[in-house]
Amino acid sequence: MDFGLLLEATEQASGFAGFFGKYGMIIMIIGLFVLMYFFMIRPSNKEKQRKDSMLNSMAVGDTVLTSSGFYGVIIDIGEDVVIVEFGSNKNCRIPMQKSAITSVEKPEDAEANAKAAQERKEAQAAKEEAKRKKKEEKEARKNNK
């Protein structure tokens, strides 16, 4: 088999294939870094910004959820430490790192969420009552026949 002829045919390939052959590896590496940026680095930076803004907007009286799953109320805020009161026992006050807080709920938001939950519960009860009445009417018509 004549490898020289094969080599010449390869060298005379189209312009795009020749360009990709020379710079293909560089293009693929750059593409890989672009994909890594958009799928890994950028979302983690956005999440870090969101968490930093949440921690900076904390105030005394906010309800927080810790990374260990405990709900508490902030009673004092320091530089890196927050004192959180857990449960209805006023003596259960624990200092913890700010980074251990995963979510913060403002008192106004808690009231609005409670009100919305109550409205949903009332709407669900009204639907169930309507279904029950409709079923009773159906049974009454069935018994009257």
C-alpha atoms as a PDB file:
ATOM      1  CA  MET A   1       0.000   0.000   0.000  1.00  0.00           C
ATOM      2  CA  ASP A   2       1.328   3.427  -0.936  1.00  0.00           C
ATOM      3  CA  PHE A   3       1.293   5.625   2.192  1.00  0.00           C
ATOM      4  CA  GLY A   4       2.790   8.584   0.331  1.00  0.00           C
ATOM      5  CA  LEU A   5      -0.303   8.828  -1.887  1.00  0.00           C
ATOM      6  CA  LEU A   6      -2.558   8.631   1.179  1.00  0.00           C
ATOM      7  CA  LEU A   7      -0.547  11.378   2.900  1.00  0.00           C
ATOM      8  CA  GLU A   8      -0.842  13.664  -0.132  1.00  0.00           C
ATOM      9  CA  ALA A   9      -4.616  13.142  -0.281  1.00  0.00           C
ATOM     10  CA  THR A  10      -4.888  13.997   3.397  1.00  0.00           C
ATOM     11  CA  GLU A  11      -2.869  17.173   2.957  1.00  0.00           C
ATOM     12  CA  GLN A  12      -5.061  18.267   0.057  1.00  0.00           C
ATOM     13  CA  ALA A  13      -8.240  18.010   2.166  1.00  0.00           C
ATOM     14  CA  SER A  14     -10.717  20.850   2.206  1.00  0.00           C
ATOM     15  CA  GLY A  15      -9.838  24.151   3.911  1.00  0.00           C
ATOM     16  CA  PHE A  16     -12.157  23.617   6.894  1.00  0.00           C
ATOM     17  CA  ALA A  17     -10.886  20.123   7.597  1.00  0.00           C
ATOM     18  CA  GLY A  18      -7.320  21.338   7.302  1.00  0.00           C
ATOM     19  CA  PHE A  19      -7.971  24.208   9.698  1.00  0.00           C
ATOM     20  CA  PHE A  20      -9.765  21.939  12.162  1.00  0.00           C
ATOM     21  CA  GLY A  21      -6.962  19.425  11.878  1.00  0.00           C
ATOM     22  CA  LYS A  22      -4.391  22.015  12.868  1.00  0.00           C
ATOM     23  CA  TYR A  23      -6.357  23.851  15.548  1.00  0.00           C
ATOM     24  CA  GLY A  24      -8.993  21.283  16.491  1.00  0.00           C
ATOM     25  CA  MET A  25      -7.511  20.337  19.845  1.00  0.00           C
ATOM     26  CA  ILE A  26      -7.207  23.980  20.910  1.00  0.00           C
ATOM     27  CA  ILE A  27     -10.806  24.685  19.868  1.00  0.00           C
ATOM     28  CA  MET A  28     -12.050  21.658  21.818  1.00  0.00           C
ATOM     29  CA  ILE A  29     -10.148  22.687  24.966  1.00  0.00           C
ATOM     30  CA  ILE A  30     -11.510  26.235  24.757  1.00  0.00           C
ATOM     31  CA  GLY A  31     -15.017  24.821  24.221  1.00  0.00           C
ATOM     32  CA  LEU A  32     -14.599  22.597  27.259  1.00  0.00           C
ATOM     33  CA  PHE A  33     -13.622  25.566  29.434  1.00  0.00           C
ATOM     34  CA  VAL A  34     -16.601  27.570  28.145  1.00  0.00           C
ATOM     35  CA  LEU A  35     -18.954  24.687  29.005  1.00  0.00           C
ATOM     36  CA  MET A  36     -17.384  24.304  32.450  1.00  0.00           C
ATOM     37  CA  TYR A  37     -17.878  28.016  33.087  1.00  0.00           C
ATOM     38  CA  PHE A  38     -21.560  28.013  32.121  1.00  0.00           C
ATOM     39  CA  PHE A  39     -22.473  24.743  33.835  1.00  0.00           C
ATOM     40  CA  MET A  40     -20.298  24.779  36.968  1.00  0.00           C
ATOM     41  CA  ILE A  41     -18.605  28.052  37.836  1.00  0.00           C
ATOM     42  CA  ARG A  42     -21.330  30.575  36.965  1.00  0.00           C
ATOM     43  CA  PRO A  43     -24.168  28.833  38.904  1.00  0.00           C
ATOM     44  CA  SER A  44     -21.974  28.430  41.986  1.00  0.00           C
ATOM     45  CA  ASN A  45     -21.022  32.129  41.845  1.00  0.00           C
ATOM     46  CA  LYS A  46     -24.708  33.089  41.601  1.00  0.00           C
ATOM     47  CA  GLU A  47     -25.559  30.870  44.582  1.00  0.00           C
ATOM     48  CA  LYS A  48     -22.713  32.393  46.601  1.00  0.00           C
ATOM     49  CA  GLN A  49     -23.963  35.923  45.798  1.00  0.00           C
ATOM     50  CA  ARG A  50     -27.514  34.948  46.799  1.00  0.00           C
ATOM     51  CA  LYS A  51     -26.345  33.475  50.104  1.00  0.00           C
ATOM     52  CA  ASP A  52     -24.122  36.487  50.873  1.00  0.00           C
ATOM     53  CA  SER A  53     -26.981  38.909  50.238  1.00  0.00           C
ATOM     54  CA  MET A  54     -29.291  36.773  52.401  1.00  0.00           C
ATOM     55  CA  LEU A  55     -26.795  36.727  55.279  1.00  0.00           C
ATOM     56  CA  ASN A  56     -26.170  40.467  54.980  1.00  0.00           C
ATOM     57  CA  SER A  57     -29.901  41.234  55.079  1.00  0.00           C
ATOM     58  CA  MET A  58     -30.508  39.284  58.323  1.00  0.00           C
ATOM     59  CA  ALA A  59     -31.972  41.242  61.205  1.00  0.00           C
ATOM     60  CA  VAL A  60     -32.914  40.557  64.814  1.00  0.00           C
ATOM     61  CA  GLY A  61     -36.276  38.802  64.937  1.00  0.00           C
ATOM     62  CA  ASP A  62     -35.927  36.915  61.649  1.00  0.00           C
ATOM     63  CA  THR A  63     -36.729  33.214  61.585  1.00  0.00           C
ATOM     64  CA  VAL A  64     -33.839  31.106  60.280  1.00  0.00           C
ATOM     65  CA  LEU A  65     -33.298  27.516  59.217  1.00  0.00           C
ATOM     66  CA  THR A  66     -29.902  26.086  60.114  1.00  0.00           C
ATOM     67  CA  SER A  67     -27.922  23.593  58.074  1.00  0.00           C
ATOM     68  CA  SER A  68     -28.750  20.935  60.679  1.00  0.00           C
ATOM     69  CA  GLY A  69     -32.496  21.487  60.164  1.00  0.00           C
ATOM     70  CA  PHE A  70     -33.385  23.525  63.251  1.00  0.00           C
ATOM     71  CA  TYR A  71     -35.690  26.545  63.093  1.00  0.00           C
ATOM     72  CA  GLY A  72     -34.904  29.460  65.373  1.00  0.00           C
ATOM     73  CA  VAL A  73     -35.211  33.202  65.849  1.00  0.00           C
ATOM     74  CA  ILE A  74     -32.226  35.544  65.699  1.00  0.00           C
ATOM     75  CA  ILE A  75     -31.737  37.489  68.928  1.00  0.00           C
ATOM     76  CA  ASP A  76     -28.260  38.958  68.299  1.00  0.00           C
ATOM     77  CA  ILE A  77     -25.960  39.376  65.293  1.00  0.00           C
ATOM     78  CA  GLY A  78     -22.178  39.695  65.452  1.00  0.00           C
ATOM     79  CA  GLU A  79     -19.449  39.805  62.814  1.00  0.00           C
ATOM     80  CA  ASP A  80     -19.370  36.055  62.035  1.00  0.00           C
ATOM     81  CA  VAL A  81     -21.526  34.716  64.884  1.00  0.00           C
ATOM     82  CA  VAL A  82     -25.301  34.817  65.300  1.00  0.00           C
ATOM     83  CA  ILE A  83     -27.123  33.975  68.516  1.00  0.00           C
ATOM     84  CA  VAL A  84     -30.262  32.004  67.760  1.00  0.00           C
ATOM     85  CA  GLU A  85     -33.084  31.144  70.147  1.00  0.00           C
ATOM     86  CA  PHE A  86     -34.644  27.733  69.532  1.00  0.00           C
ATOM     87  CA  GLY A  87     -38.137  26.641  70.554  1.00  0.00           C
ATOM     88  CA  SER A  88     -40.391  28.281  73.089  1.00  0.00           C
ATOM     89  CA  ASN A  89     -37.818  27.860  75.856  1.00  0.00           C
ATOM     90  CA  LYS A  90     -36.263  31.304  76.266  1.00  0.00           C
ATOM     91  CA  ASN A  91     -33.123  29.762  77.816  1.00  0.00           C
ATOM     92  CA  CYS A  92     -32.158  27.818  74.688  1.00  0.00           C
ATOM     93  CA  ARG A  93     -29.875  30.353  73.033  1.00  0.00           C
ATOM     94  CA  ILE A  94     -27.051  29.025  70.909  1.00  0.00           C
ATOM     95  CA  PRO A  95     -24.286  30.997  69.192  1.00  0.00           C
ATOM     96  CA  MET A  96     -23.582  29.720  65.693  1.00  0.00           C
ATOM     97  CA  GLN A  97     -21.635  30.648  62.587  1.00  0.00           C
ATOM     98  CA  LYS A  98     -23.472  32.736  59.996  1.00  0.00           C
ATOM     99  CA  SER A  99     -22.456  30.198  57.374  1.00  0.00           C
ATOM    100  CA  ALA A 100     -24.579  27.541  59.164  1.00  0.00           C
ATOM    101  CA  ILE A 101     -27.764  29.411  58.233  1.00  0.00           C
ATOM    102  CA  THR A 102     -29.362  28.130  55.039  1.00  0.00           C
ATOM    103  CA  SER A 103     -32.490  30.290  54.802  1.00  0.00           C
ATOM    104  CA  VAL A 104     -33.951  33.396  56.385  1.00  0.00           C
ATOM    105  CA  GLU A 105     -37.629  34.311  56.660  1.00  0.00           C
ATOM    106  CA  LYS A 106     -38.639  37.834  57.586  1.00  0.00           C
ATOM    107  CA  PRO A 107     -41.533  38.233  60.071  1.00  0.00           C
ATOM    108  CA  GLU A 108     -43.640  39.992  57.405  1.00  0.00           C
ATOM    109  CA  ASP A 109     -43.067  37.092  55.015  1.00  0.00           C
ATOM    110  CA  ALA A 110     -43.993  34.599  57.728  1.00  0.00           C
ATOM    111  CA  GLU A 111     -47.289  36.408  58.339  1.00  0.00           C
ATOM    112  CA  ALA A 112     -48.044  36.546  54.610  1.00  0.00           C
ATOM    113  CA  ASN A 113     -47.187  32.847  54.200  1.00  0.00           C
ATOM    114  CA  ALA A 114     -49.365  31.910  57.176  1.00  0.00           C
ATOM    115  CA  LYS A 115     -52.245  33.956  55.783  1.00  0.00           C
ATOM    116  CA  ALA A 116     -51.884  32.360  52.336  1.00  0.00           C
ATOM    117  CA  ALA A 117     -51.767  28.885  53.898  1.00  0.00           C
ATOM    118  CA  GLN A 118     -54.926  29.637  55.901  1.00  0.00           C
ATOM    119  CA  GLU A 119     -56.701  30.836  52.735  1.00  0.00           C
ATOM    120  CA  ARG A 120     -55.659  27.678  50.873  1.00  0.00           C
ATOM    121  CA  LYS A 121     -56.909  25.554  53.760  1.00  0.00           C
ATOM    122  CA  GLU A 122     -60.269  27.375  53.780  1.00  0.00           C
ATOM    123  CA  ALA A 123     -60.614  27.016  49.997  1.00  0.00           C
ATOM    124  CA  GLN A 124     -59.860  23.294  50.242  1.00  0.00           C
ATOM    125  CA  ALA A 125     -62.434  22.900  53.028  1.00  0.00           C
ATOM    126  CA  ALA A 126     -65.025  24.745  50.919  1.00  0.00           C
ATOM    127  CA  LYS A 127     -64.343  22.418  47.963  1.00  0.00           C
ATOM    128  CA  GLU A 128     -64.680  19.337  50.151  1.00  0.00           C
ATOM    129  CA  GLU A 129     -67.920  20.677  51.633  1.00  0.00           C
ATOM    130  CA  ALA A 130     -69.310  21.298  48.136  1.00  0.00           C
ATOM    131  CA  LYS A 131     -68.344  17.753  47.094  1.00  0.00           C
ATOM    132  CA  ARG A 132     -69.966  16.329  50.224  1.00  0.00           C
ATOM    133  CA  LYS A 133     -73.219  18.244  49.609  1.00  0.00           C
ATOM    134  CA  LYS A 134     -73.285  17.190  45.970  1.00  0.00           C
ATOM    135  CA  LYS A 135     -72.795  13.562  46.990  1.00  0.00           C
ATOM    136  CA  GLU A 136     -75.592  13.823  49.588  1.00  0.00           C
ATOM    137  CA  GLU A 137     -77.958  15.341  46.995  1.00  0.00           C
ATOM    138  CA  LYS A 138     -77.116  12.532  44.591  1.00  0.00           C
ATOM    139  CA  GLU A 139     -77.825   9.911  47.254  1.00  0.00           C
ATOM    140  CA  ALA A 140     -81.066  11.671  48.222  1.00  0.00           C
ATOM    141  CA  ARG A 141     -82.257  11.643  44.569  1.00  0.00           C
ATOM    142  CA  LYS A 142     -81.246   8.000  44.281  1.00  0.00           C
ATOM    143  CA  ASN A 143     -83.201   7.089  47.446  1.00  0.00           C
ATOM    144  CA  ASN A 144     -86.290   9.046  46.275  1.00  0.00           C
ATOM    145  CA  LYS A 145     -86.534   7.100  43.022  1.00  0.00           C
END
